Amino acid sequence: MARVVHFEIPAKDVEKVVDFYKKVFNWEITHWEGQTDYWLIKTGEAPEMGIDGAVYKSGEIMDKTVNTIAVEDINSAIDKIKSNGGQVVTKIDTIPGIGLFAYAVDVEGNSFGILQPLMG
């Protein structure tokens, strides 16, 4: 079964939103080196229940909170998304050290990510 493994929060003023979540929830948030306006969120420690995420600079295509779902095979997931009325809105990208990733939308236009993690 595929599970949500990451969330992304959009922001017009990234540093303001980062500061908000740090103060409200005491999350550890750090800028991801080499990425423009993308800040990684650590919400807790394992084995505590929960997932981690990020704050990103919102844009024309991505301007809503996004959940990323881990899949075994990204190409199979893309086929299923398309055959069930969804759309894949980006090409498959490689995230070094993480896996293969793409953004998609469901039948009502809700954005989500799919991630084929590196095996290892």
Protein backbone atom coordinates (compact mmCIF):
# COMPACT_ATOMS: atom_id res chain seq x y z
CA MET A 1 0.00 0.00 0.00
CA ALA A 2 1.33 3.45 -0.92
CA ARG A 3 1.81 5.88 1.99
CA VAL A 4 2.22 9.61 2.39
CA VAL A 5 5.91 10.20 3.12
CA HIS A 6 6.40 13.97 2.76
CA PHE A 7 4.42 17.22 2.69
CA GLU A 8 5.15 20.60 1.14
CA ILE A 9 3.74 23.94 2.27
CA PRO A 10 3.68 26.80 -0.27
CA ALA A 11 4.70 30.32 0.71
CA LYS A 12 4.96 33.69 -0.99
CA ASP A 13 7.35 34.83 1.78
CA VAL A 14 9.24 31.61 2.55
CA GLU A 15 11.28 32.96 5.46
CA LYS A 16 8.17 34.38 7.15
CA VAL A 17 6.37 31.02 6.88
CA VAL A 18 9.47 29.13 8.07
CA ASP A 19 9.65 31.41 11.11
CA PHE A 20 5.94 30.83 11.83
CA TYR A 21 6.22 27.02 11.88
CA LYS A 22 9.43 27.11 13.93
CA LYS A 23 7.76 29.26 16.59
CA VAL A 24 4.36 27.52 16.63
CA PHE A 25 5.45 23.85 16.47
CA ASN A 26 9.15 24.05 17.36
CA TRP A 27 10.00 22.30 14.09
CA GLU A 28 13.61 22.15 12.94
CA ILE A 29 13.65 23.87 9.53
CA THR A 30 16.78 24.29 7.43
CA HIS A 31 17.46 25.57 3.92
CA TRP A 32 18.24 22.73 1.48
CA GLU A 33 21.63 23.58 -0.01
CA GLY A 34 21.57 24.05 -3.76
CA GLN A 35 17.79 24.57 -3.87
CA THR A 36 16.28 28.02 -4.27
CA ASP A 37 13.63 28.81 -1.65
CA TYR A 38 13.20 25.20 -0.47
CA TRP A 39 13.42 24.58 3.25
CA LEU A 40 13.35 21.08 4.79
CA ILE A 41 11.17 20.49 7.86
CA LYS A 42 11.97 17.94 10.56
CA THR A 43 8.85 17.49 12.70
CA GLY A 44 10.21 14.96 15.22
CA GLU A 45 12.33 11.92 15.87
CA ALA A 46 11.69 8.25 15.01
CA PRO A 47 9.98 6.16 16.28
CA GLU A 48 7.59 9.03 17.06
CA MET A 49 4.61 8.98 14.69
CA GLY A 50 4.69 11.52 11.86
CA ILE A 51 6.32 12.61 8.62
CA ASP A 52 8.66 15.40 7.64
CA GLY A 53 8.19 17.98 4.92
CA ALA A 54 9.24 21.29 3.42
CA VAL A 55 8.28 24.90 2.78
CA TYR A 56 8.69 26.06 -0.81
CA LYS A 57 8.28 29.24 -2.85
CA SER A 58 4.81 29.06 -4.37
CA GLY A 59 4.45 29.60 -8.09
CA GLU A 60 1.90 29.46 -10.85
CA ILE A 61 1.72 25.66 -11.03
CA MET A 62 2.44 24.70 -7.43
CA ASP A 63 0.55 26.94 -5.00
CA LYS A 64 -1.19 24.52 -2.62
CA THR A 65 -0.09 22.16 0.13
CA VAL A 66 1.19 18.97 -1.49
CA ASN A 67 1.47 15.48 -0.04
CA THR A 68 3.99 13.09 -1.59
CA ILE A 69 3.15 9.41 -1.80
CA ALA A 70 5.80 6.68 -2.02
CA VAL A 71 5.29 4.20 -4.87
CA GLU A 72 7.16 1.04 -5.85
CA ASP A 73 7.34 1.90 -9.57
CA ILE A 74 6.89 5.50 -10.71
CA ASN A 75 6.07 4.57 -14.32
CA SER A 76 3.35 2.16 -13.19
CA ALA A 77 1.96 4.85 -10.87
CA ILE A 78 1.91 7.35 -13.75
CA ASP A 79 0.00 4.87 -15.92
CA LYS A 80 -2.56 4.37 -13.13
CA ILE A 81 -2.92 8.13 -12.56
CA LYS A 82 -3.59 8.74 -16.25
CA SER A 83 -5.92 5.76 -16.73
CA ASN A 84 -8.04 6.91 -13.79
CA GLY A 85 -8.51 10.51 -14.97
CA GLY A 86 -5.57 12.22 -13.28
CA GLN A 87 -2.69 14.06 -14.93
CA VAL A 88 1.05 14.11 -14.43
CA VAL A 89 2.11 17.77 -14.58
CA THR A 90 5.92 17.47 -14.50
CA LYS A 91 8.48 15.17 -16.01
CA ILE A 92 10.10 12.52 -13.83
CA ASP A 93 13.04 14.11 -12.00
CA THR A 94 15.85 12.41 -10.13
CA ILE A 95 16.37 13.74 -6.62
CA PRO A 96 19.97 12.77 -5.82
CA GLY A 97 20.16 10.38 -2.89
CA ILE A 98 16.34 10.22 -2.63
CA GLY A 99 14.75 8.71 -5.76
CA LEU A 100 12.55 9.46 -8.78
CA PHE A 101 9.85 12.12 -8.40
CA ALA A 102 6.98 13.75 -10.30
CA TYR A 103 4.01 16.02 -9.51
CA ALA A 104 0.48 15.03 -10.51
CA VAL A 105 -3.12 16.13 -10.00
CA ASP A 106 -6.17 14.03 -9.21
CA VAL A 107 -9.58 14.15 -10.92
CA GLU A 108 -10.50 17.37 -9.07
CA GLY A 109 -7.19 19.14 -9.60
CA ASN A 110 -5.64 18.40 -6.18
CA SER A 111 -1.85 18.33 -6.45
CA PHE A 112 0.26 15.51 -5.07
CA GLY A 113 3.74 14.10 -5.58
CA ILE A 114 4.80 10.55 -6.33
CA LEU A 115 8.20 9.27 -5.23
CA GLN A 116 9.94 6.04 -6.12
CA PRO A 117 12.52 5.91 -3.32
CA LEU A 118 16.00 4.58 -3.94
CA MET A 119 16.27 1.02 -2.75
CA GLY A 120 18.85 0.51 -0.29
